[in-house]
N, C-alpha and C. Protein backbone atom coordinates (compact mmCIF):
# COMPACT_ATOMS: atom_id res chain seq x y z
N UNK A 1 0.84 -1.17 0.00
CA UNK A 1 0.00 0.00 0.00
C UNK A 1 0.89 1.24 0.00
N UNK A 2 0.65 2.14 -0.94
CA UNK A 2 1.47 3.33 -1.03
C UNK A 2 0.89 4.44 -0.15
N UNK A 3 1.77 5.33 0.27
CA UNK A 3 1.37 6.45 1.11
C UNK A 3 1.34 7.71 0.27
N UNK A 4 0.28 8.47 0.39
CA UNK A 4 0.18 9.75 -0.29
C UNK A 4 0.74 10.83 0.62
N UNK A 5 1.66 11.61 0.09
CA UNK A 5 2.25 12.70 0.86
C UNK A 5 1.44 13.96 0.58
N UNK A 6 0.83 14.49 1.61
CA UNK A 6 0.00 15.67 1.47
C UNK A 6 0.83 16.95 1.54
N UNK A 7 1.80 16.98 2.44
CA UNK A 7 2.68 18.13 2.59
C UNK A 7 4.12 17.67 2.45
N UNK A 8 4.85 18.39 1.60
CA UNK A 8 6.24 18.00 1.37
C UNK A 8 7.14 19.23 1.46
N UNK A 9 8.45 18.96 1.62
CA UNK A 9 9.41 20.05 1.67
C UNK A 9 9.82 20.43 0.24
N UNK A 10 10.78 21.30 0.10
CA UNK A 10 11.18 21.78 -1.23
C UNK A 10 11.84 20.69 -2.07
N UNK A 11 12.18 19.56 -1.45
CA UNK A 11 12.78 18.44 -2.17
C UNK A 11 11.78 17.33 -2.45
N UNK A 12 10.51 17.56 -2.11
CA UNK A 12 9.48 16.57 -2.35
C UNK A 12 9.39 15.49 -1.29
N UNK A 13 10.13 15.66 -0.19
CA UNK A 13 10.10 14.67 0.89
C UNK A 13 9.02 15.04 1.91
N UNK A 14 8.47 14.03 2.53
CA UNK A 14 7.43 14.25 3.53
C UNK A 14 8.01 15.05 4.70
N UNK A 15 7.25 16.05 5.18
CA UNK A 15 7.72 16.82 6.33
C UNK A 15 7.35 16.10 7.62
N UNK A 16 8.08 16.41 8.67
CA UNK A 16 7.80 15.83 9.97
C UNK A 16 6.54 16.47 10.56
N UNK A 17 5.88 15.74 11.42
CA UNK A 17 4.68 16.25 12.08
C UNK A 17 5.00 17.51 12.87
N UNK A 18 6.15 17.53 13.53
CA UNK A 18 6.53 18.71 14.31
C UNK A 18 6.75 19.93 13.41
N UNK A 19 7.25 19.72 12.22
CA UNK A 19 7.44 20.81 11.26
C UNK A 19 6.09 21.39 10.87
N UNK A 20 5.15 20.51 10.58
CA UNK A 20 3.80 20.97 10.24
C UNK A 20 3.18 21.72 11.40
N UNK A 21 3.28 21.17 12.61
CA UNK A 21 2.69 21.81 13.79
C UNK A 21 3.25 23.22 14.00
N UNK A 22 4.55 23.37 13.84
CA UNK A 22 5.19 24.69 14.00
C UNK A 22 4.67 25.66 12.95
N UNK A 23 4.59 25.23 11.71
CA UNK A 23 4.11 26.09 10.64
C UNK A 23 2.65 26.47 10.87
N UNK A 24 1.85 25.51 11.32
CA UNK A 24 0.44 25.77 11.57
C UNK A 24 0.29 26.81 12.68
N UNK A 25 1.06 26.68 13.75
CA UNK A 25 0.97 27.64 14.86
C UNK A 25 1.37 29.04 14.40
N UNK A 26 2.39 29.14 13.55
CA UNK A 26 2.78 30.46 13.01
C UNK A 26 1.64 31.06 12.19
N UNK A 27 1.00 30.25 11.38
CA UNK A 27 -0.13 30.72 10.58
C UNK A 27 -1.27 31.19 11.47
N UNK A 28 -1.59 30.44 12.51
CA UNK A 28 -2.66 30.81 13.42
C UNK A 28 -2.33 32.11 14.16
N UNK A 29 -1.06 32.32 14.50
CA UNK A 29 -0.66 33.57 15.16
C UNK A 29 -0.87 34.75 14.22
N UNK A 30 -0.56 34.58 12.94
CA UNK A 30 -0.77 35.65 11.96
C UNK A 30 -2.26 35.95 11.80
N UNK A 31 -3.06 34.89 11.70
CA UNK A 31 -4.52 35.08 11.57
C UNK A 31 -5.07 35.77 12.81
N UNK A 32 -4.62 35.34 13.97
CA UNK A 32 -5.10 35.93 15.22
C UNK A 32 -4.71 37.40 15.30
N UNK A 33 -3.49 37.75 14.90
CA UNK A 33 -3.04 39.14 14.96
C UNK A 33 -3.83 40.02 13.99
N UNK A 34 -4.17 39.48 12.83
CA UNK A 34 -4.86 40.28 11.83
C UNK A 34 -6.38 40.31 12.00
N UNK A 35 -6.97 39.18 12.38
CA UNK A 35 -8.42 39.07 12.40
C UNK A 35 -9.02 38.85 13.78
N UNK A 36 -8.21 38.59 14.78
CA UNK A 36 -8.71 38.38 16.14
C UNK A 36 -8.81 36.92 16.53
N UNK A 37 -8.90 36.69 17.82
CA UNK A 37 -8.92 35.34 18.40
C UNK A 37 -10.07 34.48 17.89
N UNK A 38 -11.24 35.10 17.64
CA UNK A 38 -12.41 34.33 17.24
C UNK A 38 -12.26 33.68 15.87
N UNK A 39 -11.26 34.06 15.11
CA UNK A 39 -11.04 33.49 13.79
C UNK A 39 -10.03 32.35 13.79
N UNK A 40 -9.59 31.94 14.95
CA UNK A 40 -8.65 30.81 15.06
C UNK A 40 -9.40 29.51 14.80
N UNK A 41 -8.77 28.57 14.13
CA UNK A 41 -9.41 27.29 13.85
C UNK A 41 -8.36 26.19 13.83
N UNK A 42 -8.81 24.95 13.87
CA UNK A 42 -7.92 23.79 13.86
C UNK A 42 -7.80 23.24 12.45
N UNK A 43 -6.70 22.57 12.18
CA UNK A 43 -6.48 21.99 10.86
C UNK A 43 -7.64 21.07 10.48
N UNK A 44 -8.14 20.31 11.46
CA UNK A 44 -9.22 19.35 11.19
C UNK A 44 -10.52 20.06 10.76
N UNK A 45 -10.67 21.34 11.11
CA UNK A 45 -11.85 22.10 10.70
C UNK A 45 -11.91 22.25 9.18
N UNK A 46 -10.78 22.14 8.51
CA UNK A 46 -10.77 22.25 7.05
C UNK A 46 -11.57 21.13 6.40
N UNK A 47 -11.55 19.94 7.02
CA UNK A 47 -12.33 18.82 6.48
C UNK A 47 -13.83 19.13 6.59
N UNK A 48 -14.24 19.64 7.74
CA UNK A 48 -15.65 20.00 7.92
C UNK A 48 -16.06 21.08 6.93
N UNK A 49 -15.19 22.03 6.68
CA UNK A 49 -15.48 23.10 5.72
C UNK A 49 -15.66 22.50 4.33
N UNK A 50 -14.80 21.56 3.96
CA UNK A 50 -14.91 20.91 2.66
C UNK A 50 -16.20 20.13 2.51
N UNK A 51 -16.58 19.40 3.54
CA UNK A 51 -17.83 18.62 3.50
C UNK A 51 -19.02 19.57 3.45
N UNK A 52 -19.00 20.61 4.27
CA UNK A 52 -20.11 21.55 4.32
C UNK A 52 -20.31 22.28 3.00
N UNK A 53 -19.22 22.63 2.34
CA UNK A 53 -19.31 23.38 1.09
C UNK A 53 -19.58 22.52 -0.13
N UNK A 54 -19.43 21.22 -0.01
CA UNK A 54 -19.64 20.31 -1.14
C UNK A 54 -21.10 20.38 -1.58
N UNK A 55 -21.31 20.66 -2.84
CA UNK A 55 -22.69 20.74 -3.35
C UNK A 55 -23.11 19.47 -4.06
N UNK A 56 -22.21 18.50 -4.15
CA UNK A 56 -22.53 17.23 -4.78
C UNK A 56 -22.85 16.18 -3.74
N UNK A 57 -22.39 14.97 -3.97
CA UNK A 57 -22.59 13.85 -3.05
C UNK A 57 -21.58 13.98 -1.91
N UNK A 58 -22.02 14.49 -0.77
CA UNK A 58 -21.12 14.75 0.35
C UNK A 58 -20.49 13.48 0.89
N UNK A 59 -21.23 12.39 0.88
CA UNK A 59 -20.69 11.14 1.40
C UNK A 59 -19.57 10.63 0.50
N UNK A 60 -19.78 10.69 -0.78
CA UNK A 60 -18.75 10.25 -1.72
C UNK A 60 -17.55 11.19 -1.68
N UNK A 61 -17.81 12.48 -1.63
CA UNK A 61 -16.73 13.46 -1.61
C UNK A 61 -15.87 13.40 -0.38
N UNK A 62 -16.45 13.03 0.75
CA UNK A 62 -15.70 12.96 2.01
C UNK A 62 -15.13 11.58 2.30
N UNK A 63 -15.53 10.60 1.50
CA UNK A 63 -15.08 9.20 1.67
C UNK A 63 -15.54 8.59 2.99
N UNK A 64 -16.64 9.08 3.53
CA UNK A 64 -17.19 8.49 4.75
C UNK A 64 -18.10 7.32 4.37
N UNK A 65 -18.08 6.29 5.21
CA UNK A 65 -18.88 5.10 4.93
C UNK A 65 -20.33 5.24 5.36
N UNK A 66 -20.62 6.17 6.27
CA UNK A 66 -22.00 6.29 6.73
C UNK A 66 -22.49 7.74 6.63
N UNK A 67 -23.79 7.86 6.47
CA UNK A 67 -24.42 9.18 6.42
C UNK A 67 -24.30 9.88 7.78
N UNK A 68 -24.26 9.10 8.85
CA UNK A 68 -24.14 9.68 10.19
C UNK A 68 -22.81 10.41 10.34
N UNK A 69 -21.74 9.85 9.78
CA UNK A 69 -20.44 10.51 9.87
C UNK A 69 -20.43 11.77 9.02
N UNK A 70 -21.06 11.73 7.86
CA UNK A 70 -21.16 12.93 7.02
C UNK A 70 -21.90 14.02 7.78
N UNK A 71 -22.96 13.66 8.47
CA UNK A 71 -23.74 14.63 9.25
C UNK A 71 -22.89 15.27 10.34
N UNK A 72 -21.94 14.54 10.89
CA UNK A 72 -21.05 15.08 11.91
C UNK A 72 -20.20 16.22 11.34
N UNK A 73 -19.76 16.06 10.10
CA UNK A 73 -18.89 17.06 9.48
C UNK A 73 -19.65 18.14 8.74
N UNK A 74 -20.89 17.91 8.37
CA UNK A 74 -21.67 18.89 7.61
C UNK A 74 -22.21 19.93 8.59
N UNK A 75 -21.58 21.08 8.64
CA UNK A 75 -21.93 22.08 9.64
C UNK A 75 -22.78 23.22 9.10
N UNK A 76 -23.07 23.21 7.81
CA UNK A 76 -23.92 24.27 7.27
C UNK A 76 -25.38 23.95 7.56
N UNK A 77 -26.13 24.95 8.00
CA UNK A 77 -27.55 24.69 8.21
C UNK A 77 -28.23 24.43 6.87
N UNK A 78 -29.20 23.54 6.87
CA UNK A 78 -29.91 23.28 5.62
C UNK A 78 -30.77 24.49 5.29
N UNK A 79 -30.85 24.78 4.02
CA UNK A 79 -31.63 25.95 3.61
C UNK A 79 -33.12 25.60 3.58
N UNK A 80 -33.91 26.54 3.96
CA UNK A 80 -35.36 26.36 3.95
C UNK A 80 -35.98 27.54 3.21
N UNK A 81 -37.12 27.32 2.61
CA UNK A 81 -37.82 28.39 1.93
C UNK A 81 -38.40 29.36 2.97
N UNK A 82 -38.32 30.62 2.66
CA UNK A 82 -38.86 31.62 3.60
C UNK A 82 -40.38 31.62 3.53
N UNK A 83 -40.98 32.03 4.62
CA UNK A 83 -42.43 32.12 4.70
C UNK A 83 -42.83 33.45 4.08
N UNK A 84 -43.85 33.39 3.22
CA UNK A 84 -44.28 34.63 2.56
C UNK A 84 -45.49 35.22 3.23
């Protein structure tokens, strides 16, 4: 089974987890300084954002085996028609 490298260094080698963590914390400090504490988020929140924004088959797009797991990550409220 092959491993997919999501983040790599300038030589194409997989970065260490500690390297990623340090870079992520620097990014969060920049976001916090520019936009405030309430805009801080975790790396794992990006998956929920991707599932929530998916306009197609969310279960297929997220590779979850159950609809219950998709519901956990789907954080956008469902749209409803307004009352006239």
